[in-house]
PDB file of N, CA and C in Angstrom:
ATOM      1  N   UNK A   1     -15.054 -12.711   3.454  1.00  0.00           N
ATOM      2  CA  UNK A   1     -14.144 -11.760   3.640  1.00  0.00           C
ATOM      3  C   UNK A   1     -12.731 -11.855   3.998  1.00  0.00           C
ATOM      4  N   UNK A   2     -12.452 -13.189   4.659  1.00  0.00           N
ATOM      5  CA  UNK A   2     -10.800 -13.620   5.030  1.00  0.00           C
ATOM      6  C   UNK A   2     -10.197 -13.903   3.713  1.00  0.00           C
ATOM      7  N   UNK A   3     -11.177 -14.449   2.917  1.00  0.00           N
ATOM      8  CA  UNK A   3     -10.460 -14.899   1.660  1.00  0.00           C
ATOM      9  C   UNK A   3     -10.018 -13.515   0.899  1.00  0.00           C
ATOM     10  N   UNK A   4     -10.549 -12.696   0.672  1.00  0.00           N
ATOM     11  CA  UNK A   4     -10.567 -11.284  -0.218  1.00  0.00           C
ATOM     12  C   UNK A   4      -9.464 -10.734   0.904  1.00  0.00           C
ATOM     13  N   UNK A   5      -9.493 -10.718   2.151  1.00  0.00           N
ATOM     14  CA  UNK A   5      -8.272  -9.738   2.916  1.00  0.00           C
ATOM     15  C   UNK A   5      -6.990 -10.559   2.665  1.00  0.00           C
ATOM     16  N   UNK A   6      -7.132 -11.982   2.618  1.00  0.00           N
ATOM     17  CA  UNK A   6      -5.238 -12.689   2.223  1.00  0.00           C
ATOM     18  C   UNK A   6      -5.021 -12.187   0.728  1.00  0.00           C
ATOM     19  N   UNK A   7      -5.944 -12.204   0.131  1.00  0.00           N
ATOM     20  CA  UNK A   7      -5.616 -11.805  -1.127  1.00  0.00           C
ATOM     21  C   UNK A   7      -5.155 -10.275  -1.246  1.00  0.00           C
ATOM     22  N   UNK A   8      -5.831  -9.210  -0.687  1.00  0.00           N
ATOM     23  CA  UNK A   8      -5.155  -8.071  -0.819  1.00  0.00           C
ATOM     24  C   UNK A   8      -4.086  -7.772   0.033  1.00  0.00           C
ATOM     25  N   UNK A   9      -3.813  -8.430   1.184  1.00  0.00           N
ATOM     26  CA  UNK A   9      -2.577  -8.378   2.025  1.00  0.00           C
ATOM     27  C   UNK A   9      -1.471  -8.922   0.646  1.00  0.00           C
ATOM     28  N   UNK A  10      -1.784  -9.967   0.103  1.00  0.00           N
ATOM     29  CA  UNK A  10      -0.348 -10.459  -1.026  1.00  0.00           C
ATOM     30  C   UNK A  10      -0.194  -9.149  -2.141  1.00  0.00           C
ATOM     31  N   UNK A  11      -1.580  -8.539  -2.593  1.00  0.00           N
ATOM     32  CA  UNK A  11      -1.716  -7.723  -3.644  1.00  0.00           C
ATOM     33  C   UNK A  11      -0.830  -6.173  -3.135  1.00  0.00           C
ATOM     34  N   UNK A  12      -1.533  -6.040  -2.106  1.00  0.00           N
ATOM     35  CA  UNK A  12      -0.631  -4.837  -1.619  1.00  0.00           C
ATOM     36  C   UNK A  12       0.640  -4.832  -1.118  1.00  0.00           C
ATOM     37  N   UNK A  13       1.228  -6.093  -0.498  1.00  0.00           N
ATOM     38  CA  UNK A  13       2.468  -6.297  -0.124  1.00  0.00           C
ATOM     39  C   UNK A  13       3.488  -6.500  -1.596  1.00  0.00           C
ATOM     40  N   UNK A  14       2.790  -7.087  -2.542  1.00  0.00           N
ATOM     41  CA  UNK A  14       3.448  -6.958  -3.742  1.00  0.00           C
ATOM     42  C   UNK A  14       3.944  -5.729  -4.272  1.00  0.00           C
ATOM     43  N   UNK A  15       2.671  -4.734  -4.365  1.00  0.00           N
ATOM     44  CA  UNK A  15       3.239  -3.406  -4.699  1.00  0.00           C
ATOM     45  C   UNK A  15       3.352  -2.470  -4.133  1.00  0.00           C
ATOM     46  N   UNK A  16       3.563  -2.431  -2.714  1.00  0.00           N
ATOM     47  CA  UNK A  16       4.070  -1.662  -1.864  1.00  0.00           C
ATOM     48  C   UNK A  16       5.553  -1.909  -1.744  1.00  0.00           C
ATOM     49  N   UNK A  17       6.103  -3.260  -1.585  1.00  0.00           N
ATOM     50  CA  UNK A  17       7.397  -3.731  -1.702  1.00  0.00           C
ATOM     51  C   UNK A  17       8.317  -3.541  -3.086  1.00  0.00           C
ATOM     52  N   UNK A  18       7.465  -3.528  -4.230  1.00  0.00           N
ATOM     53  CA  UNK A  18       8.111  -3.240  -5.549  1.00  0.00           C
ATOM     54  C   UNK A  18       8.599  -1.739  -5.627  1.00  0.00           C
ATOM     55  N   UNK A  19       7.552  -0.744  -4.525  1.00  0.00           N
ATOM     56  CA  UNK A  19       7.359   0.500  -4.919  1.00  0.00           C
ATOM     57  C   UNK A  19       8.773   0.899  -4.075  1.00  0.00           C
ATOM     58  N   UNK A  20       8.753   0.488  -2.740  1.00  0.00           N
ATOM     59  CA  UNK A  20       9.720   0.752  -1.616  1.00  0.00           C
ATOM     60  C   UNK A  20      10.208   2.284  -1.541  1.00  0.00           C
ATOM     61  N   UNK A  21       9.084   2.921  -1.264  1.00  0.00           N
ATOM     62  CA  UNK A  21       9.299   4.505  -1.062  1.00  0.00           C
ATOM     63  C   UNK A  21      10.305   5.010  -0.081  1.00  0.00           C
ATOM     64  N   UNK A  22      11.054   4.173   0.869  1.00  0.00           N
ATOM     65  CA  UNK A  22      12.030   4.784   1.465  1.00  0.00           C
ATOM     66  C   UNK A  22      12.901   3.863   1.217  1.00  0.00           C
ATOM     67  N   UNK A  23      13.349   3.080   0.092  1.00  0.00           N
ATOM     68  CA  UNK A  23      14.431   2.248  -0.272  1.00  0.00           C
ATOM     69  C   UNK A  23      15.241   1.610   0.840  1.00  0.00           C
ATOM     70  N   UNK A  24      14.432   0.922   1.389  1.00  0.00           N
ATOM     71  CA  UNK A  24      14.600  -0.003   2.617  1.00  0.00           C
ATOM     72  C   UNK A  24      15.709  -1.024   2.035  1.00  0.00           C
ATOM     73  N   UNK A  25      14.990  -1.760   1.283  1.00  0.00           N
ATOM     74  CA  UNK A  25      15.611  -3.004   0.491  1.00  0.00           C
ATOM     75  C   UNK A  25      16.639  -3.115   0.209  1.00  0.00           C
ATOM     76  N   UNK A  26      17.292  -1.637  -0.550  1.00  0.00           N
ATOM     77  CA  UNK A  26      18.391  -1.718  -0.896  1.00  0.00           C
ATOM     78  C   UNK A  26      19.590  -1.767   0.082  1.00  0.00           C
ATOM     79  N   UNK A  27      19.095  -1.347   1.442  1.00  0.00           N
ATOM     80  CA  UNK A  27      20.062  -1.674   2.217  1.00  0.00           C
ATOM     81  C   UNK A  27      20.168  -2.626   2.809  1.00  0.00           C
ATOM     82  N   UNK A  28      18.911  -3.800   2.717  1.00  0.00           N
ATOM     83  CA  UNK A  28      19.066  -5.241   3.162  1.00  0.00           C
ATOM     84  C   UNK A  28      17.910  -5.280   3.981  1.00  0.00           C
ATOM     85  N   UNK A  29      16.903  -4.477   4.051  1.00  0.00           N
ATOM     86  CA  UNK A  29      15.908  -4.777   4.967  1.00  0.00           C
ATOM     87  C   UNK A  29      15.181  -6.004   4.653  1.00  0.00           C
ATOM     88  N   UNK A  30      14.308  -6.859   5.640  1.00  0.00           N
ATOM     89  CA  UNK A  30      13.824  -7.845   5.576  1.00  0.00           C
ATOM     90  C   UNK A  30      12.302  -7.697   4.595  1.00  0.00           C
ATOM     91  N   UNK A  31      11.964  -8.869   4.169  1.00  0.00           N
ATOM     92  CA  UNK A  31      10.895  -8.734   3.375  1.00  0.00           C
ATOM     93  C   UNK A  31       9.371  -8.206   3.865  1.00  0.00           C
ATOM     94  N   UNK A  32       9.493  -8.301   5.144  1.00  0.00           N
ATOM     95  CA  UNK A  32       8.448  -7.681   6.090  1.00  0.00           C
ATOM     96  C   UNK A  32       8.576  -6.425   6.641  1.00  0.00           C
ATOM     97  N   UNK A  33       9.382  -5.620   6.056  1.00  0.00           N
ATOM     98  CA  UNK A  33       9.627  -4.100   6.571  1.00  0.00           C
ATOM     99  C   UNK A  33       8.582  -3.059   6.565  1.00  0.00           C
ATOM    100  N   UNK A  34       7.609  -3.353   5.679  1.00  0.00           N
ATOM    101  CA  UNK A  34       6.477  -2.530   5.456  1.00  0.00           C
ATOM    102  C   UNK A  34       5.074  -3.142   6.154  1.00  0.00           C
ATOM    103  N   UNK A  35       5.305  -4.598   6.894  1.00  0.00           N
ATOM    104  CA  UNK A  35       4.386  -5.085   7.477  1.00  0.00           C
ATOM    105  C   UNK A  35       3.074  -3.945   7.978  1.00  0.00           C
ATOM    106  N   UNK A  36       3.710  -3.162   8.939  1.00  0.00           N
ATOM    107  CA  UNK A  36       2.631  -2.369   9.521  1.00  0.00           C
ATOM    108  C   UNK A  36       1.721  -1.445   8.631  1.00  0.00           C
ATOM    109  N   UNK A  37       2.636  -0.605   7.651  1.00  0.00           N
ATOM    110  CA  UNK A  37       2.018  -0.097   6.732  1.00  0.00           C
ATOM    111  C   UNK A  37       1.056  -0.671   6.019  1.00  0.00           C
ATOM    112  N   UNK A  38       1.749  -1.928   5.299  1.00  0.00           N
ATOM    113  CA  UNK A  38       0.598  -2.728   4.681  1.00  0.00           C
ATOM    114  C   UNK A  38      -0.687  -3.178   5.368  1.00  0.00           C
ATOM    115  N   UNK A  39      -0.548  -3.196   6.814  1.00  0.00           N
ATOM    116  CA  UNK A  39      -1.656  -3.674   7.098  1.00  0.00           C
ATOM    117  C   UNK A  39      -3.052  -2.588   7.318  1.00  0.00           C
ATOM    118  N   UNK A  40      -2.355  -1.309   7.474  1.00  0.00           N
ATOM    119  CA  UNK A  40      -3.207   0.012   7.429  1.00  0.00           C
ATOM    120  C   UNK A  40      -3.744  -0.187   5.999  1.00  0.00           C
ATOM    121  N   UNK A  41      -3.039  -0.615   5.207  1.00  0.00           N
ATOM    122  CA  UNK A  41      -3.788  -0.140   3.943  1.00  0.00           C
ATOM    123  C   UNK A  41      -4.500  -0.775   3.357  1.00  0.00           C
ATOM    124  N   UNK A  42      -4.149  -2.292   3.657  1.00  0.00           N
ATOM    125  CA  UNK A  42      -5.283  -3.099   3.310  1.00  0.00           C
ATOM    126  C   UNK A  42      -6.561  -2.856   3.856  1.00  0.00           C
ATOM    127  N   UNK A  43      -6.915  -2.707   5.297  1.00  0.00           N
ATOM    128  CA  UNK A  43      -7.936  -2.124   5.996  1.00  0.00           C
ATOM    129  C   UNK A  43      -8.402  -1.103   4.730  1.00  0.00           C
ATOM    130  N   UNK A  44      -7.729   0.065   4.540  1.00  0.00           N
ATOM    131  CA  UNK A  44      -8.519   1.049   3.560  1.00  0.00           C
ATOM    132  C   UNK A  44      -8.809   0.183   2.454  1.00  0.00           C
ATOM    133  N   UNK A  45      -8.200  -0.472   1.777  1.00  0.00           N
ATOM    134  CA  UNK A  45      -8.371  -0.911   0.479  1.00  0.00           C
ATOM    135  C   UNK A  45      -9.819  -1.564   0.811  1.00  0.00           C
ATOM    136  N   UNK A  46     -10.085  -2.440   1.532  1.00  0.00           N
ATOM    137  CA  UNK A  46     -11.055  -3.178   1.542  1.00  0.00           C
ATOM    138  C   UNK A  46     -12.883  -2.202   2.118  1.00  0.00           C
ATOM    139  N   UNK A  47     -12.280  -0.953   2.789  1.00  0.00           N
ATOM    140  CA  UNK A  47     -13.181  -0.132   2.941  1.00  0.00           C
ATOM    141  C   UNK A  47     -13.422   0.973   2.123  1.00  0.00           C
ATOM    142  N   UNK A  48     -12.524   1.267   0.930  1.00  0.00           N
ATOM    143  CA  UNK A  48     -12.646   2.214   0.085  1.00  0.00           C
ATOM    144  C   UNK A  48     -13.682   2.051  -0.990  1.00  0.00           C
ATOM    145  N   UNK A  49     -14.286   3.093  -1.668  1.00  0.00           N
ATOM    146  CA  UNK A  49     -15.177   2.876  -2.496  1.00  0.00           C
ATOM    147  C   UNK A  49     -14.185   3.032  -4.121  1.00  0.00           C
ATOM    148  N   UNK A  50     -12.790   3.780  -3.881  1.00  0.00           N
ATOM    149  CA  UNK A  50     -12.510   3.804  -5.103  1.00  0.00           C
ATOM    150  C   UNK A  50     -10.947   3.931  -5.096  1.00  0.00           C
ATOM    151  N   UNK A  51      -9.900   3.980  -6.183  1.00  0.00           N
ATOM    152  CA  UNK A  51      -8.392   3.856  -5.921  1.00  0.00           C
ATOM    153  C   UNK A  51      -8.084   5.133  -5.495  1.00  0.00           C
ATOM    154  N   UNK A  52      -8.763   6.377  -5.345  1.00  0.00           N
ATOM    155  CA  UNK A  52      -8.616   7.686  -5.019  1.00  0.00           C
ATOM    156  C   UNK A  52      -8.493   7.395  -3.482  1.00  0.00           C
ATOM    157  N   UNK A  53      -9.458   6.838  -2.756  1.00  0.00           N
ATOM    158  CA  UNK A  53      -9.187   6.502  -1.409  1.00  0.00           C
ATOM    159  C   UNK A  53      -8.391   5.918  -0.815  1.00  0.00           C
ATOM    160  N   UNK A  54      -8.058   4.686  -1.741  1.00  0.00           N
ATOM    161  CA  UNK A  54      -6.934   4.062  -1.421  1.00  0.00           C
ATOM    162  C   UNK A  54      -5.811   4.670  -1.391  1.00  0.00           C
ATOM    163  N   UNK A  55      -5.407   5.460  -2.772  1.00  0.00           N
ATOM    164  CA  UNK A  55      -4.151   6.392  -2.808  1.00  0.00           C
ATOM    165  C   UNK A  55      -4.068   7.570  -1.277  1.00  0.00           C
ATOM    166  N   UNK A  56      -4.879   7.929  -0.964  1.00  0.00           N
ATOM    167  CA  UNK A  56      -5.294   9.014   0.111  1.00  0.00           C
ATOM    168  C   UNK A  56      -4.558   8.292   1.319  1.00  0.00           C
ATOM    169  N   UNK A  57      -4.957   6.932   1.627  1.00  0.00           N
ATOM    170  CA  UNK A  57      -4.794   5.918   2.857  1.00  0.00           C
ATOM    171  C   UNK A  57      -3.261   5.818   2.472  1.00  0.00           C
ATOM    172  N   UNK A  58      -3.091   5.521   1.359  1.00  0.00           N
ATOM    173  CA  UNK A  58      -1.307   5.285   1.230  1.00  0.00           C
ATOM    174  C   UNK A  58      -0.580   6.501   1.536  1.00  0.00           C
ATOM    175  N   UNK A  59      -0.789   7.448   0.958  1.00  0.00           N
ATOM    176  CA  UNK A  59      -0.300   8.720   1.247  1.00  0.00           C
ATOM    177  C   UNK A  59      -0.267   9.300   3.067  1.00  0.00           C
ATOM    178  N   UNK A  60      -1.281   8.888   3.505  1.00  0.00           N
ATOM    179  CA  UNK A  60      -1.823   9.133   4.886  1.00  0.00           C
ATOM    180  C   UNK A  60      -0.760   8.146   5.806  1.00  0.00           C
ATOM    181  N   UNK A  61      -0.828   7.021   5.133  1.00  0.00           N
ATOM    182  CA  UNK A  61       0.145   5.940   5.905  1.00  0.00           C
ATOM    183  C   UNK A  61       1.512   6.207   6.143  1.00  0.00           C
ATOM    184  N   UNK A  62       1.846   6.272   4.917  1.00  0.00           N
ATOM    185  CA  UNK A  62       3.370   6.453   5.000  1.00  0.00           C
ATOM    186  C   UNK A  62       3.819   7.813   5.442  1.00  0.00           C
ATOM    187  N   UNK A  63       3.037   8.781   5.238  1.00  0.00           N
ATOM    188  CA  UNK A  63       3.211  10.087   6.110  1.00  0.00           C
ATOM    189  C   UNK A  63       3.303   9.649   7.351  1.00  0.00           C
ATOM    190  N   UNK A  64       2.343   9.244   8.050  1.00  0.00           N
ATOM    191  CA  UNK A  64       2.214   8.903   9.430  1.00  0.00           C
ATOM    192  C   UNK A  64       3.520   8.211   9.858  1.00  0.00           C
ATOM    193  N   UNK A  65       4.056   7.280   9.210  1.00  0.00           N
ATOM    194  CA  UNK A  65       4.929   6.365   9.808  1.00  0.00           C
ATOM    195  C   UNK A  65       6.479   6.785   9.490  1.00  0.00           C
ATOM    196  N   UNK A  66       6.279   7.392   8.553  1.00  0.00           N
ATOM    197  CA  UNK A  66       7.887   8.400   7.842  1.00  0.00           C
ATOM    198  C   UNK A  66       7.753   9.646   8.166  1.00  0.00           C
ATOM    199  N   UNK A  67       7.147  10.081   8.740  1.00  0.00           N
ATOM    200  CA  UNK A  67       7.236  11.854   8.869  1.00  0.00           C
ATOM    201  C   UNK A  67       7.441  12.597   7.733  1.00  0.00           C
ATOM    202  N   UNK A  68       7.130  12.490   6.733  1.00  0.00           N
ATOM    203  CA  UNK A  68       6.999  12.986   5.498  1.00  0.00           C
ATOM    204  C   UNK A  68       6.250  13.055   4.269  1.00  0.00           C
ATOM    205  N   UNK A  69       6.184  13.784   3.386  1.00  0.00           N
ATOM    206  CA  UNK A  69       5.082  14.126   2.279  1.00  0.00           C
ATOM    207  C   UNK A  69       5.465  13.179   1.492  1.00  0.00           C
ATOM    208  N   UNK A  70       4.451  12.295   0.620  1.00  0.00           N
ATOM    209  CA  UNK A  70       4.642  11.886  -0.641  1.00  0.00           C
ATOM    210  C   UNK A  70       4.023  12.060  -1.646  1.00  0.00           C
ATOM    211  N   UNK A  71       4.410  12.167  -2.460  1.00  0.00           N
ATOM    212  CA  UNK A  71       3.639  12.691  -3.927  1.00  0.00           C
ATOM    213  C   UNK A  71       2.350  11.865  -4.163  1.00  0.00           C
ATOM    214  N   UNK A  72       1.342  12.471  -4.145  1.00  0.00           N
ATOM    215  CA  UNK A  72      -0.073  11.597  -4.426  1.00  0.00           C
ATOM    216  C   UNK A  72      -0.032  10.837  -5.892  1.00  0.00           C
ATOM    217  N   UNK A  73       0.647  11.723  -6.968  1.00  0.00           N
ATOM    218  CA  UNK A  73       0.396  10.790  -8.188  1.00  0.00           C
ATOM    219  C   UNK A  73       1.175   9.566  -7.697  1.00  0.00           C
ATOM    220  N   UNK A  74       2.274   9.264  -7.317  1.00  0.00           N
ATOM    221  CA  UNK A  74       2.887   8.219  -6.942  1.00  0.00           C
ATOM    222  C   UNK A  74       1.965   7.186  -6.026  1.00  0.00           C
ATOM    223  N   UNK A  75       1.458   7.573  -5.011  1.00  0.00           N
ATOM    224  CA  UNK A  75       0.549   6.678  -4.355  1.00  0.00           C
ATOM    225  C   UNK A  75      -0.784   6.324  -5.378  1.00  0.00           C
ATOM    226  N   UNK A  76      -1.023   7.395  -6.022  1.00  0.00           N
ATOM    227  CA  UNK A  76      -2.234   6.961  -7.001  1.00  0.00           C
ATOM    228  C   UNK A  76      -1.662   5.833  -7.856  1.00  0.00           C
ATOM    229  N   UNK A  77      -0.508   5.877  -8.633  1.00  0.00           N
ATOM    230  CA  UNK A  77      -0.232   4.803  -9.382  1.00  0.00           C
ATOM    231  C   UNK A  77      -0.330   3.644  -8.736  1.00  0.00           C
ATOM    232  N   UNK A  78       0.190   3.318  -7.442  1.00  0.00           N
ATOM    233  CA  UNK A  78       0.094   2.107  -6.464  1.00  0.00           C
ATOM    234  C   UNK A  78      -1.305   1.646  -6.340  1.00  0.00           C
ATOM    235  N   UNK A  79      -2.191   2.636  -6.272  1.00  0.00           N
ATOM    236  CA  UNK A  79      -3.505   2.622  -5.714  1.00  0.00           C
ATOM    237  C   UNK A  79      -4.116   2.049  -6.677  1.00  0.00           C
ATOM    238  N   UNK A  80      -4.009   2.699  -8.162  1.00  0.00           N
ATOM    239  CA  UNK A  80      -4.770   2.338  -9.174  1.00  0.00           C
ATOM    240  C   UNK A  80      -4.340   0.590  -9.496  1.00  0.00           C
ATOM    241  N   UNK A  81      -3.107   0.347  -9.403  1.00  0.00           N
ATOM    242  CA  UNK A  81      -2.552  -1.195  -9.767  1.00  0.00           C
ATOM    243  C   UNK A  81      -3.121  -2.047  -8.573  1.00  0.00           C
ATOM    244  N   UNK A  82      -3.112  -1.541  -7.321  1.00  0.00           N
ATOM    245  CA  UNK A  82      -3.771  -2.661  -6.307  1.00  0.00           C
ATOM    246  C   UNK A  82      -5.258  -2.687  -6.492  1.00  0.00           C
ATOM    247  N   UNK A  83      -6.271  -1.477  -7.017  1.00  0.00           N
ATOM    248  CA  UNK A  83      -7.547  -1.716  -7.122  1.00  0.00           C
ATOM    249  C   UNK A  83      -7.738  -2.693  -8.178  1.00  0.00           C
ATOM    250  N   UNK A  84      -6.978  -2.357  -9.433  1.00  0.00           N
ATOM    251  CA  UNK A  84      -7.417  -3.119 -10.539  1.00  0.00           C
ATOM    252  C   UNK A  84      -7.234  -4.572 -10.226  1.00  0.00           C
ATOM    253  N   UNK A  85      -5.965  -5.002  -9.762  1.00  0.00           N
ATOM    254  CA  UNK A  85      -5.574  -6.476  -9.658  1.00  0.00           C
ATOM    255  C   UNK A  85      -6.659  -7.266  -8.720  1.00  0.00           C
ATOM    256  N   UNK A  86      -7.247  -5.946  -7.522  1.00  0.00           N
ATOM    257  CA  UNK A  86      -8.188  -7.027  -6.706  1.00  0.00           C
ATOM    258  C   UNK A  86      -9.743  -7.097  -7.020  1.00  0.00           C
ATOM    259  N   UNK A  87     -10.148  -5.910  -7.772  1.00  0.00           N
ATOM    260  CA  UNK A  87     -11.250  -5.597  -8.106  1.00  0.00           C
ATOM    261  C   UNK A  87     -11.701  -5.734  -9.497  1.00  0.00           C
ATOM    262  N   UNK A  88     -10.618  -5.641 -10.372  1.00  0.00           N
ATOM    263  CA  UNK A  88     -10.632  -5.925 -11.856  1.00  0.00           C
ATOM    264  C   UNK A  88     -11.192  -4.411 -12.532  1.00  0.00           C
TER     265      UNK A  88
END
């Protein structure tokens, strides 16, 4: 499970950082800016039964940390890519 977790961390980090929903990297934020959010999302990825649950976790996590609503379709797009890359 540790190996799967490490792979999930790399995959989720790549997709969340590429998405950069708060546009923090454009302002010079460090590469680990979303580390707390990514940790919560990785836990969800490892426990979820499908990409819809992952999308909900992404939406909920970012909503909690940044106090605003995130479009489900945006979150689902990220979740689908993460799920496909991790589980095929």
